[in-house]
PDB file of N, CA and C in Angstrom:
ATOM      1  N   MET A   1       0.981  -1.394   0.067  1.00  0.00           N
ATOM      2  CA  MET A   1      -0.128  -0.082  -0.224  1.00  0.00           C
ATOM      3  C   MET A   1       0.990   1.268  -0.041  1.00  0.00           C
ATOM      4  N   GLY A   2       0.573   2.147  -1.008  1.00  0.00           N
ATOM      5  CA  GLY A   2       1.548   3.274  -0.854  1.00  0.00           C
ATOM      6  C   GLY A   2       1.009   4.596  -0.091  1.00  0.00           C
ATOM      7  N   LEU A   3       1.244   5.763  -0.183  1.00  0.00           N
ATOM      8  CA  LEU A   3       1.060   7.008   0.487  1.00  0.00           C
ATOM      9  C   LEU A   3      -0.613   7.220   0.242  1.00  0.00           C
ATOM     10  N   GLN A   4      -1.399   7.520   1.145  1.00  0.00           N
ATOM     11  CA  GLN A   4      -2.927   7.916   1.198  1.00  0.00           C
ATOM     12  C   GLN A   4      -3.067   9.068   1.431  1.00  0.00           C
ATOM     13  N   TRP A   5      -3.713   9.981   0.739  1.00  0.00           N
ATOM     14  CA  TRP A   5      -4.255  11.585   1.287  1.00  0.00           C
ATOM     15  C   TRP A   5      -5.208  11.339   2.337  1.00  0.00           C
ATOM     16  N   ARG A   6      -4.577  12.444   3.511  1.00  0.00           N
ATOM     17  CA  ARG A   6      -5.087  12.639   4.546  1.00  0.00           C
ATOM     18  C   ARG A   6      -5.788  13.591   4.844  1.00  0.00           C
ATOM     19  N   GLU A   7      -6.919  14.275   5.141  1.00  0.00           N
ATOM     20  CA  GLU A   7      -7.142  15.453   5.468  1.00  0.00           C
ATOM     21  C   GLU A   7      -6.186  16.692   6.604  1.00  0.00           C
ATOM     22  N   GLN A   8      -5.383  15.635   7.275  1.00  0.00           N
ATOM     23  CA  GLN A   8      -4.484  16.621   8.039  1.00  0.00           C
ATOM     24  C   GLN A   8      -3.506  17.018   7.139  1.00  0.00           C
ATOM     25  N   LEU A   9      -3.236  16.480   6.017  1.00  0.00           N
ATOM     26  CA  LEU A   9      -2.056  17.134   5.014  1.00  0.00           C
ATOM     27  C   LEU A   9      -2.348  18.510   4.285  1.00  0.00           C
ATOM     28  N   SER A  10      -3.609  18.658   4.629  1.00  0.00           N
ATOM     29  CA  SER A  10      -4.443  19.751   3.946  1.00  0.00           C
ATOM     30  C   SER A  10      -3.528  21.152   4.447  1.00  0.00           C
ATOM     31  N   VAL A  11      -3.252  22.217   3.630  1.00  0.00           N
ATOM     32  CA  VAL A  11      -3.006  23.268   3.594  1.00  0.00           C
ATOM     33  C   VAL A  11      -3.955  24.508   4.038  1.00  0.00           C
ATOM     34  N   GLY A  12      -5.011  23.992   3.538  1.00  0.00           N
ATOM     35  CA  GLY A  12      -6.180  24.851   3.238  1.00  0.00           C
ATOM     36  C   GLY A  12      -6.320  25.732   2.079  1.00  0.00           C
ATOM     37  N   ASN A  13      -5.606  25.300   1.281  1.00  0.00           N
ATOM     38  CA  ASN A  13      -5.831  25.943  -0.243  1.00  0.00           C
ATOM     39  C   ASN A  13      -5.697  24.578  -1.074  1.00  0.00           C
ATOM     40  N   ASP A  14      -6.905  24.687  -1.919  1.00  0.00           N
ATOM     41  CA  ASP A  14      -7.622  23.770  -2.798  1.00  0.00           C
ATOM     42  C   ASP A  14      -6.473  23.470  -3.865  1.00  0.00           C
ATOM     43  N   LEU A  15      -6.044  24.515  -4.372  1.00  0.00           N
ATOM     44  CA  LEU A  15      -5.104  24.288  -5.619  1.00  0.00           C
ATOM     45  C   LEU A  15      -3.794  23.359  -5.060  1.00  0.00           C
ATOM     46  N   ILE A  16      -3.201  24.048  -4.154  1.00  0.00           N
ATOM     47  CA  ILE A  16      -2.122  23.567  -3.348  1.00  0.00           C
ATOM     48  C   ILE A  16      -2.353  21.934  -2.865  1.00  0.00           C
ATOM     49  N   ASP A  17      -3.718  21.769  -2.337  1.00  0.00           N
ATOM     50  CA  ASP A  17      -4.075  20.456  -2.061  1.00  0.00           C
ATOM     51  C   ASP A  17      -3.890  19.369  -2.910  1.00  0.00           C
ATOM     52  N   SER A  18      -4.597  20.022  -4.086  1.00  0.00           N
ATOM     53  CA  SER A  18      -4.812  19.299  -5.186  1.00  0.00           C
ATOM     54  C   SER A  18      -3.416  18.640  -5.793  1.00  0.00           C
ATOM     55  N   ASP A  19      -2.618  19.763  -5.970  1.00  0.00           N
ATOM     56  CA  ASP A  19      -1.150  19.285  -6.268  1.00  0.00           C
ATOM     57  C   ASP A  19      -0.592  18.233  -5.586  1.00  0.00           C
ATOM     58  N   HIS A  20      -0.649  18.188  -4.185  1.00  0.00           N
ATOM     59  CA  HIS A  20      -0.392  17.301  -3.362  1.00  0.00           C
ATOM     60  C   HIS A  20      -0.742  15.947  -3.705  1.00  0.00           C
ATOM     61  N   LYS A  21      -2.101  15.954  -3.703  1.00  0.00           N
ATOM     62  CA  LYS A  21      -2.637  14.504  -4.061  1.00  0.00           C
ATOM     63  C   LYS A  21      -2.396  14.240  -5.232  1.00  0.00           C
ATOM     64  N   HIS A  22      -1.907  14.866  -6.358  1.00  0.00           N
ATOM     65  CA  HIS A  22      -1.324  14.428  -7.448  1.00  0.00           C
ATOM     66  C   HIS A  22       0.011  14.013  -7.476  1.00  0.00           C
ATOM     67  N   LEU A  23       0.704  14.773  -6.744  1.00  0.00           N
ATOM     68  CA  LEU A  23       2.477  14.325  -6.185  1.00  0.00           C
ATOM     69  C   LEU A  23       2.206  12.793  -5.700  1.00  0.00           C
ATOM     70  N   ILE A  24       1.343  12.880  -4.655  1.00  0.00           N
ATOM     71  CA  ILE A  24       1.191  11.361  -3.952  1.00  0.00           C
ATOM     72  C   ILE A  24       0.641  10.450  -5.075  1.00  0.00           C
ATOM     73  N   GLU A  25       0.038  10.465  -6.032  1.00  0.00           N
ATOM     74  CA  GLU A  25      -0.347   9.365  -7.128  1.00  0.00           C
ATOM     75  C   GLU A  25       0.978   9.282  -7.856  1.00  0.00           C
ATOM     76  N   ILE A  26       2.037  10.239  -7.950  1.00  0.00           N
ATOM     77  CA  ILE A  26       3.056  10.253  -8.806  1.00  0.00           C
ATOM     78  C   ILE A  26       3.994   9.536  -7.725  1.00  0.00           C
ATOM     79  N   ILE A  27       4.081   9.600  -6.843  1.00  0.00           N
ATOM     80  CA  ILE A  27       5.045   8.940  -5.689  1.00  0.00           C
ATOM     81  C   ILE A  27       4.584   7.429  -5.882  1.00  0.00           C
ATOM     82  N   ASN A  28       3.352   7.094  -5.699  1.00  0.00           N
ATOM     83  CA  ASN A  28       2.800   5.762  -5.509  1.00  0.00           C
ATOM     84  C   ASN A  28       3.230   5.146  -6.798  1.00  0.00           C
ATOM     85  N   LEU A  29       3.017   5.782  -7.953  1.00  0.00           N
ATOM     86  CA  LEU A  29       3.452   5.163  -9.226  1.00  0.00           C
ATOM     87  C   LEU A  29       4.662   4.566  -9.412  1.00  0.00           C
ATOM     88  N   ALA A  30       5.469   5.445  -8.903  1.00  0.00           N
ATOM     89  CA  ALA A  30       7.424   5.581  -8.741  1.00  0.00           C
ATOM     90  C   ALA A  30       7.540   4.140  -7.687  1.00  0.00           C
ATOM     91  N   ASN A  31       6.696   4.266  -6.563  1.00  0.00           N
ATOM     92  CA  ASN A  31       6.927   2.955  -5.432  1.00  0.00           C
ATOM     93  C   ASN A  31       6.505   1.560  -6.502  1.00  0.00           C
ATOM     94  N   SER A  32       5.466   1.778  -7.074  1.00  0.00           N
ATOM     95  CA  SER A  32       4.964   0.289  -7.997  1.00  0.00           C
ATOM     96  C   SER A  32       5.709  -0.038  -8.816  1.00  0.00           C
ATOM     97  N   SER A  33       6.384   0.860  -9.484  1.00  0.00           N
ATOM     98  CA  SER A  33       7.483   0.682 -10.542  1.00  0.00           C
ATOM     99  C   SER A  33       8.658   0.080  -9.778  1.00  0.00           C
ATOM    100  N   PHE A  34       9.027   0.609  -8.898  1.00  0.00           N
ATOM    101  CA  PHE A  34      10.108   0.038  -8.169  1.00  0.00           C
ATOM    102  C   PHE A  34      10.112  -1.366  -7.585  1.00  0.00           C
ATOM    103  N   GLN A  35       8.711  -1.488  -6.941  1.00  0.00           N
ATOM    104  CA  GLN A  35       8.390  -3.027  -6.634  1.00  0.00           C
ATOM    105  C   GLN A  35       8.292  -3.835  -7.973  1.00  0.00           C
ATOM    106  N   LYS A  36       8.150  -3.391  -8.759  1.00  0.00           N
ATOM    107  CA  LYS A  36       8.026  -4.321 -10.344  1.00  0.00           C
ATOM    108  C   LYS A  36       9.532  -4.627 -10.738  1.00  0.00           C
ATOM    109  N   MET A  37      10.496  -3.552 -10.048  1.00  0.00           N
ATOM    110  CA  MET A  37      11.800  -3.554 -10.910  1.00  0.00           C
ATOM    111  C   MET A  37      11.863  -3.136 -12.164  1.00  0.00           C
ATOM    112  N   SER A  38      10.888  -2.378 -12.656  1.00  0.00           N
ATOM    113  CA  SER A  38      10.894  -2.017 -13.942  1.00  0.00           C
ATOM    114  C   SER A  38      11.381  -0.727 -14.001  1.00  0.00           C
ATOM    115  N   ARG A  39      12.719  -0.579 -14.503  1.00  0.00           N
ATOM    116  CA  ARG A  39      13.682   0.719 -14.633  1.00  0.00           C
ATOM    117  C   ARG A  39      13.250   1.622 -15.433  1.00  0.00           C
ATOM    118  N   PRO A  40      12.235   1.329 -16.696  1.00  0.00           N
ATOM    119  CA  PRO A  40      11.708   2.397 -17.519  1.00  0.00           C
ATOM    120  C   PRO A  40      10.785   2.716 -16.748  1.00  0.00           C
ATOM    121  N   GLU A  41       9.810   2.099 -16.375  1.00  0.00           N
ATOM    122  CA  GLU A  41       8.587   2.825 -15.613  1.00  0.00           C
ATOM    123  C   GLU A  41       9.121   3.624 -14.578  1.00  0.00           C
ATOM    124  N   LEU A  42      10.086   2.720 -13.622  1.00  0.00           N
ATOM    125  CA  LEU A  42      10.490   3.939 -12.444  1.00  0.00           C
ATOM    126  C   LEU A  42      11.239   5.052 -13.190  1.00  0.00           C
ATOM    127  N   ALA A  43      12.157   5.246 -13.957  1.00  0.00           N
ATOM    128  CA  ALA A  43      12.664   6.328 -14.566  1.00  0.00           C
ATOM    129  C   ALA A  43      11.449   7.325 -14.918  1.00  0.00           C
ATOM    130  N   ALA A  44      10.503   6.802 -15.797  1.00  0.00           N
ATOM    131  CA  ALA A  44       9.571   7.711 -16.181  1.00  0.00           C
ATOM    132  C   ALA A  44       8.885   8.501 -14.845  1.00  0.00           C
ATOM    133  N   ALA A  45       8.273   7.461 -13.858  1.00  0.00           N
ATOM    134  CA  ALA A  45       7.682   7.988 -12.851  1.00  0.00           C
ATOM    135  C   ALA A  45       8.754   9.130 -12.048  1.00  0.00           C
ATOM    136  N   LEU A  46       9.898   9.119 -11.670  1.00  0.00           N
ATOM    137  CA  LEU A  46      10.540   9.734 -11.205  1.00  0.00           C
ATOM    138  C   LEU A  46      10.892  11.194 -12.088  1.00  0.00           C
ATOM    139  N   ASP A  47      10.886  10.786 -13.536  1.00  0.00           N
ATOM    140  CA  ASP A  47      11.041  11.952 -14.376  1.00  0.00           C
ATOM    141  C   ASP A  47       9.756  12.661 -14.261  1.00  0.00           C
ATOM    142  N   GLN A  48       8.764  12.251 -14.188  1.00  0.00           N
ATOM    143  CA  GLN A  48       7.367  12.902 -13.975  1.00  0.00           C
ATOM    144  C   GLN A  48       7.335  13.586 -12.822  1.00  0.00           C
ATOM    145  N   LEU A  49       7.520  13.028 -11.825  1.00  0.00           N
ATOM    146  CA  LEU A  49       7.803  13.684 -10.029  1.00  0.00           C
ATOM    147  C   LEU A  49       8.371  14.661  -9.943  1.00  0.00           C
ATOM    148  N   PHE A  50       9.831  14.759 -10.737  1.00  0.00           N
ATOM    149  CA  PHE A  50      10.985  15.660 -11.185  1.00  0.00           C
ATOM    150  C   PHE A  50      10.015  17.108 -11.255  1.00  0.00           C
ATOM    151  N   ASN A  51       9.426  16.704 -12.945  1.00  0.00           N
ATOM    152  CA  ASN A  51       8.704  17.629 -13.607  1.00  0.00           C
ATOM    153  C   ASN A  51       7.388  18.321 -12.739  1.00  0.00           C
ATOM    154  N   TYR A  52       6.971  17.495 -12.291  1.00  0.00           N
ATOM    155  CA  TYR A  52       6.137  18.063 -11.952  1.00  0.00           C
ATOM    156  C   TYR A  52       5.963  18.916 -10.191  1.00  0.00           C
ATOM    157  N   SER A  53       6.946  18.466  -9.869  1.00  0.00           N
ATOM    158  CA  SER A  53       7.552  19.148  -8.428  1.00  0.00           C
ATOM    159  C   SER A  53       7.929  20.533  -8.633  1.00  0.00           C
ATOM    160  N   LYS A  54       8.777  20.845  -9.998  1.00  0.00           N
ATOM    161  CA  LYS A  54       9.104  21.659 -10.423  1.00  0.00           C
ATOM    162  C   LYS A  54       7.886  22.822 -10.540  1.00  0.00           C
ATOM    163  N   LEU A  55       7.186  22.407 -11.213  1.00  0.00           N
ATOM    164  CA  LEU A  55       5.783  23.302 -11.594  1.00  0.00           C
ATOM    165  C   LEU A  55       5.217  23.510  -9.995  1.00  0.00           C
ATOM    166  N   HIS A  56       4.897  22.585  -9.526  1.00  0.00           N
ATOM    167  CA  HIS A  56       4.308  22.909  -8.201  1.00  0.00           C
ATOM    168  C   HIS A  56       4.874  23.814  -7.159  1.00  0.00           C
ATOM    169  N   PHE A  57       6.582  23.505  -7.106  1.00  0.00           N
ATOM    170  CA  PHE A  57       7.108  24.362  -6.261  1.00  0.00           C
ATOM    171  C   PHE A  57       6.943  25.852  -6.634  1.00  0.00           C
ATOM    172  N   ALA A  58       7.234  26.243  -7.803  1.00  0.00           N
ATOM    173  CA  ALA A  58       7.059  27.292  -8.279  1.00  0.00           C
ATOM    174  C   ALA A  58       5.582  28.103  -7.856  1.00  0.00           C
ATOM    175  N   LEU A  59       4.547  27.070  -8.131  1.00  0.00           N
ATOM    176  CA  LEU A  59       3.279  27.788  -7.955  1.00  0.00           C
ATOM    177  C   LEU A  59       2.886  28.034  -6.597  1.00  0.00           C
ATOM    178  N   GLU A  60       3.419  27.240  -5.356  1.00  0.00           N
ATOM    179  CA  GLU A  60       3.189  27.425  -4.008  1.00  0.00           C
ATOM    180  C   GLU A  60       4.108  28.658  -3.776  1.00  0.00           C
ATOM    181  N   GLU A  61       5.443  28.857  -4.108  1.00  0.00           N
ATOM    182  CA  GLU A  61       6.210  29.988  -3.895  1.00  0.00           C
ATOM    183  C   GLU A  61       5.573  31.108  -4.201  1.00  0.00           C
ATOM    184  N   LYS A  62       4.882  31.248  -5.487  1.00  0.00           N
ATOM    185  CA  LYS A  62       4.156  32.175  -5.753  1.00  0.00           C
ATOM    186  C   LYS A  62       2.748  32.746  -5.253  1.00  0.00           C
ATOM    187  N   ILE A  63       2.427  31.660  -4.559  1.00  0.00           N
ATOM    188  CA  ILE A  63       1.168  31.840  -3.839  1.00  0.00           C
ATOM    189  C   ILE A  63       1.351  32.214  -2.412  1.00  0.00           C
ATOM    190  N   ALA A  64       2.797  31.881  -2.115  1.00  0.00           N
ATOM    191  CA  ALA A  64       2.985  32.043  -0.400  1.00  0.00           C
ATOM    192  C   ALA A  64       3.359  33.650  -0.714  1.00  0.00           C
ATOM    193  N   ALA A  65       4.284  34.065  -1.527  1.00  0.00           N
ATOM    194  CA  ALA A  65       4.548  35.101  -1.743  1.00  0.00           C
ATOM    195  C   ALA A  65       3.237  36.171  -1.595  1.00  0.00           C
ATOM    196  N   ALA A  66       2.528  36.028  -2.473  1.00  0.00           N
ATOM    197  CA  ALA A  66       1.349  37.019  -2.676  1.00  0.00           C
ATOM    198  C   ALA A  66       0.656  36.998  -1.190  1.00  0.00           C
ATOM    199  N   VAL A  67       0.534  36.064  -0.133  1.00  0.00           N
ATOM    200  CA  VAL A  67      -0.293  35.890   0.636  1.00  0.00           C
ATOM    201  C   VAL A  67       0.933  36.771   1.934  1.00  0.00           C
ATOM    202  N   GLY A  68       1.906  37.186   1.564  1.00  0.00           N
ATOM    203  CA  GLY A  68       2.802  37.851   2.554  1.00  0.00           C
ATOM    204  C   GLY A  68       3.834  36.590   3.598  1.00  0.00           C
ATOM    205  N   PHE A  69       3.526  35.477   3.020  1.00  0.00           N
ATOM    206  CA  PHE A  69       4.452  34.691   3.978  1.00  0.00           C
ATOM    207  C   PHE A  69       5.606  34.883   4.000  1.00  0.00           C
ATOM    208  N   THR A  70       6.178  34.630   5.672  1.00  0.00           N
ATOM    209  CA  THR A  70       7.441  35.239   5.685  1.00  0.00           C
ATOM    210  C   THR A  70       8.898  34.610   5.870  1.00  0.00           C
ATOM    211  N   GLY A  71       8.338  33.153   5.525  1.00  0.00           N
ATOM    212  CA  GLY A  71       9.097  31.972   5.447  1.00  0.00           C
ATOM    213  C   GLY A  71       9.884  31.766   4.356  1.00  0.00           C
ATOM    214  N   MET A  72       9.753  32.890   3.136  1.00  0.00           N
ATOM    215  CA  MET A  72       9.953  32.399   1.902  1.00  0.00           C
ATOM    216  C   MET A  72      11.231  31.846   1.568  1.00  0.00           C
ATOM    217  N   ASP A  73      12.342  32.277   1.939  1.00  0.00           N
ATOM    218  CA  ASP A  73      13.602  31.340   2.155  1.00  0.00           C
ATOM    219  C   ASP A  73      13.737  30.267   2.381  1.00  0.00           C
ATOM    220  N   HIS A  74      13.089  29.948   3.512  1.00  0.00           N
ATOM    221  CA  HIS A  74      13.307  28.438   4.014  1.00  0.00           C
ATOM    222  C   HIS A  74      12.324  27.417   3.308  1.00  0.00           C
ATOM    223  N   ILE A  75      11.342  27.955   2.670  1.00  0.00           N
ATOM    224  CA  ILE A  75      10.449  27.179   1.410  1.00  0.00           C
ATOM    225  C   ILE A  75      11.268  26.941   0.085  1.00  0.00           C
ATOM    226  N   HIS A  76      11.749  27.989  -0.566  1.00  0.00           N
ATOM    227  CA  HIS A  76      12.736  28.281  -1.450  1.00  0.00           C
ATOM    228  C   HIS A  76      13.599  26.927  -1.271  1.00  0.00           C
ATOM    229  N   ALA A  77      14.766  27.286  -0.189  1.00  0.00           N
ATOM    230  CA  ALA A  77      15.763  26.227   0.143  1.00  0.00           C
ATOM    231  C   ALA A  77      15.039  24.753  -0.108  1.00  0.00           C
ATOM    232  N   SER A  78      14.186  24.783   0.946  1.00  0.00           N
ATOM    233  CA  SER A  78      13.669  23.072   0.925  1.00  0.00           C
ATOM    234  C   SER A  78      13.094  22.534  -0.516  1.00  0.00           C
ATOM    235  N   HIS A  79      12.558  23.429  -1.295  1.00  0.00           N
ATOM    236  CA  HIS A  79      11.848  23.178  -2.524  1.00  0.00           C
ATOM    237  C   HIS A  79      13.197  22.719  -3.500  1.00  0.00           C
ATOM    238  N   GLU A  80      14.443  23.567  -3.356  1.00  0.00           N
ATOM    239  CA  GLU A  80      15.606  23.264  -3.952  1.00  0.00           C
ATOM    240  C   GLU A  80      16.499  21.882  -3.339  1.00  0.00           C
ATOM    241  N   ALA A  81      16.188  21.661  -2.261  1.00  0.00           N
ATOM    242  CA  ALA A  81      16.866  20.717  -1.793  1.00  0.00           C
ATOM    243  C   ALA A  81      16.488  19.526  -2.210  1.00  0.00           C
ATOM    244  N   LEU A  82      14.974  19.445  -2.134  1.00  0.00           N
ATOM    245  CA  LEU A  82      14.183  18.179  -2.558  1.00  0.00           C
ATOM    246  C   LEU A  82      14.617  17.780  -4.368  1.00  0.00           C
ATOM    247  N   LEU A  83      14.296  18.945  -5.161  1.00  0.00           N
ATOM    248  CA  LEU A  83      14.731  19.087  -6.527  1.00  0.00           C
ATOM    249  C   LEU A  83      16.381  18.386  -6.840  1.00  0.00           C
ATOM    250  N   VAL A  84      17.227  18.743  -5.765  1.00  0.00           N
ATOM    251  CA  VAL A  84      18.390  18.258  -6.026  1.00  0.00           C
ATOM    252  C   VAL A  84      18.481  16.693  -5.630  1.00  0.00           C
ATOM    253  N   LYS A  85      17.802  16.318  -4.599  1.00  0.00           N
ATOM    254  CA  LYS A  85      17.808  14.729  -4.171  1.00  0.00           C
ATOM    255  C   LYS A  85      16.985  14.096  -5.317  1.00  0.00           C
ATOM    256  N   LEU A  86      16.172  14.536  -5.901  1.00  0.00           N
ATOM    257  CA  LEU A  86      15.543  13.763  -6.747  1.00  0.00           C
ATOM    258  C   LEU A  86      16.275  13.630  -8.211  1.00  0.00           C
ATOM    259  N   SER A  87      16.795  14.545  -8.611  1.00  0.00           N
ATOM    260  CA  SER A  87      17.867  14.629  -9.617  1.00  0.00           C
ATOM    261  C   SER A  87      18.948  13.783  -9.408  1.00  0.00           C
ATOM    262  N   GLY A  88      19.230  13.755  -8.166  1.00  0.00           N
ATOM    263  CA  GLY A  88      20.704  12.886  -7.683  1.00  0.00           C
ATOM    264  C   GLY A  88      19.860  11.328  -8.088  1.00  0.00           C
ATOM    265  N   THR A  89      18.665  11.265  -7.376  1.00  0.00           N
ATOM    266  CA  THR A  89      18.377   9.665  -7.382  1.00  0.00           C
ATOM    267  C   THR A  89      18.102   9.174  -9.297  1.00  0.00           C
ATOM    268  N   LEU A  90      17.372  10.405  -9.957  1.00  0.00           N
ATOM    269  CA  LEU A  90      17.500  10.065 -11.452  1.00  0.00           C
ATOM    270  C   LEU A  90      18.871   9.528 -12.036  1.00  0.00           C
ATOM    271  N   GLN A  91      19.801  10.400 -11.763  1.00  0.00           N
ATOM    272  CA  GLN A  91      21.169  10.032 -12.259  1.00  0.00           C
ATOM    273  C   GLN A  91      21.602   8.690 -11.731  1.00  0.00           C
ATOM    274  N   ARG A  92      21.394   8.442 -10.543  1.00  0.00           N
ATOM    275  CA  ARG A  92      22.288   7.323  -9.860  1.00  0.00           C
ATOM    276  C   ARG A  92      21.183   6.083 -10.696  1.00  0.00           C
ATOM    277  N   LEU A  93      20.171   6.167 -11.229  1.00  0.00           N
ATOM    278  CA  LEU A  93      19.233   5.023 -11.879  1.00  0.00           C
ATOM    279  C   LEU A  93      19.909   5.002 -12.850  1.00  0.00           C
ATOM    280  N   ASN A  94      20.257   5.892 -13.599  1.00  0.00           N
ATOM    281  CA  ASN A  94      20.550   6.097 -15.084  1.00  0.00           C
ATOM    282  C   ASN A  94      22.135   5.467 -15.143  1.00  0.00           C
ATOM    283  N   THR A  95      22.897   5.479 -13.897  1.00  0.00           N
ATOM    284  CA  THR A  95      24.351   5.031 -13.763  1.00  0.00           C
ATOM    285  C   THR A  95      24.238   3.725 -13.623  1.00  0.00           C
ATOM    286  N   LEU A  96      23.115   3.379 -12.708  1.00  0.00           N
ATOM    287  CA  LEU A  96      23.402   1.568 -12.289  1.00  0.00           C
ATOM    288  C   LEU A  96      22.932   1.048 -13.738  1.00  0.00           C
ATOM    289  N   ALA A  97      21.724   1.727 -14.406  1.00  0.00           N
ATOM    290  CA  ALA A  97      21.353   0.851 -15.371  1.00  0.00           C
ATOM    291  C   ALA A  97      22.470   0.681 -16.823  1.00  0.00           C
ATOM    292  N   HIS A  98      23.241   1.736 -16.649  1.00  0.00           N
ATOM    293  CA  HIS A  98      24.302   1.590 -17.383  1.00  0.00           C
ATOM    294  C   HIS A  98      25.339   0.708 -17.041  1.00  0.00           C
ATOM    295  N   PHE A  99      25.914   0.581 -15.925  1.00  0.00           N
ATOM    296  CA  PHE A  99      26.826  -0.175 -15.495  1.00  0.00           C
ATOM    297  C   PHE A  99      26.332  -1.587 -15.051  1.00  0.00           C
ATOM    298  N   CYS A 100      24.979  -1.984 -14.990  1.00  0.00           N
ATOM    299  CA  CYS A 100      24.618  -3.076 -14.776  1.00  0.00           C
ATOM    300  C   CYS A 100      23.950  -3.808 -15.971  1.00  0.00           C
ATOM    301  N   GLY A 101      24.030  -3.009 -17.205  1.00  0.00           N
ATOM    302  CA  GLY A 101      23.632  -3.816 -18.065  1.00  0.00           C
ATOM    303  C   GLY A 101      22.094  -3.714 -18.478  1.00  0.00           C
ATOM    304  N   ASN A 102      21.485  -2.701 -17.670  1.00  0.00           N
ATOM    305  CA  ASN A 102      19.980  -2.635 -17.539  1.00  0.00           C
ATOM    306  C   ASN A 102      19.565  -3.956 -16.988  1.00  0.00           C
ATOM    307  N   GLY A 103      20.064  -3.994 -15.579  1.00  0.00           N
ATOM    308  CA  GLY A 103      19.708  -5.020 -14.726  1.00  0.00           C
ATOM    309  C   GLY A 103      18.210  -5.313 -14.546  1.00  0.00           C
ATOM    310  N   LEU A 104      17.585  -3.981 -13.997  1.00  0.00           N
ATOM    311  CA  LEU A 104      16.303  -3.939 -13.991  1.00  0.00           C
ATOM    312  C   LEU A 104      15.310  -4.354 -15.115  1.00  0.00           C
ATOM    313  N   SER A 105      14.229  -4.496 -14.951  1.00  0.00           N
ATOM    314  CA  SER A 105      13.415  -4.888 -16.109  1.00  0.00           C
ATOM    315  C   SER A 105      13.381  -3.864 -17.111  1.00  0.00           C
ATOM    316  N   THR A 106      13.235  -4.140 -18.411  1.00  0.00           N
ATOM    317  CA  THR A 106      12.910  -3.141 -19.293  1.00  0.00           C
ATOM    318  C   THR A 106      11.561  -3.124 -19.550  1.00  0.00           C
ATOM    319  N   THR A 107      10.628  -3.765 -19.102  1.00  0.00           N
ATOM    320  CA  THR A 107       9.243  -3.570 -19.607  1.00  0.00           C
ATOM    321  C   THR A 107       8.428  -3.175 -18.622  1.00  0.00           C
TER     322      THR A 107
END
């Protein structure tokens, strides 16, 4: 069983909550692909997670700035750190596939 949306995760903004629900769906897709050991599906899910996260983080930061949130530096830094970690995971997956001769399933 993967991650599940719970109301206690809500930030009180329907747009951001909707994005967070979609991010959970993508994370669950990545987890399912990992469990199946399908490198192509996992790479695609992680790539989708990275790209959607970039869009979501930009929107979240824009909304936070518009409402005068005072912790913008912290939010931006945490978003950047998450993107760096995700990018590193994608790079390691590609390196592993290269050196292991695509040891994970290619279907």
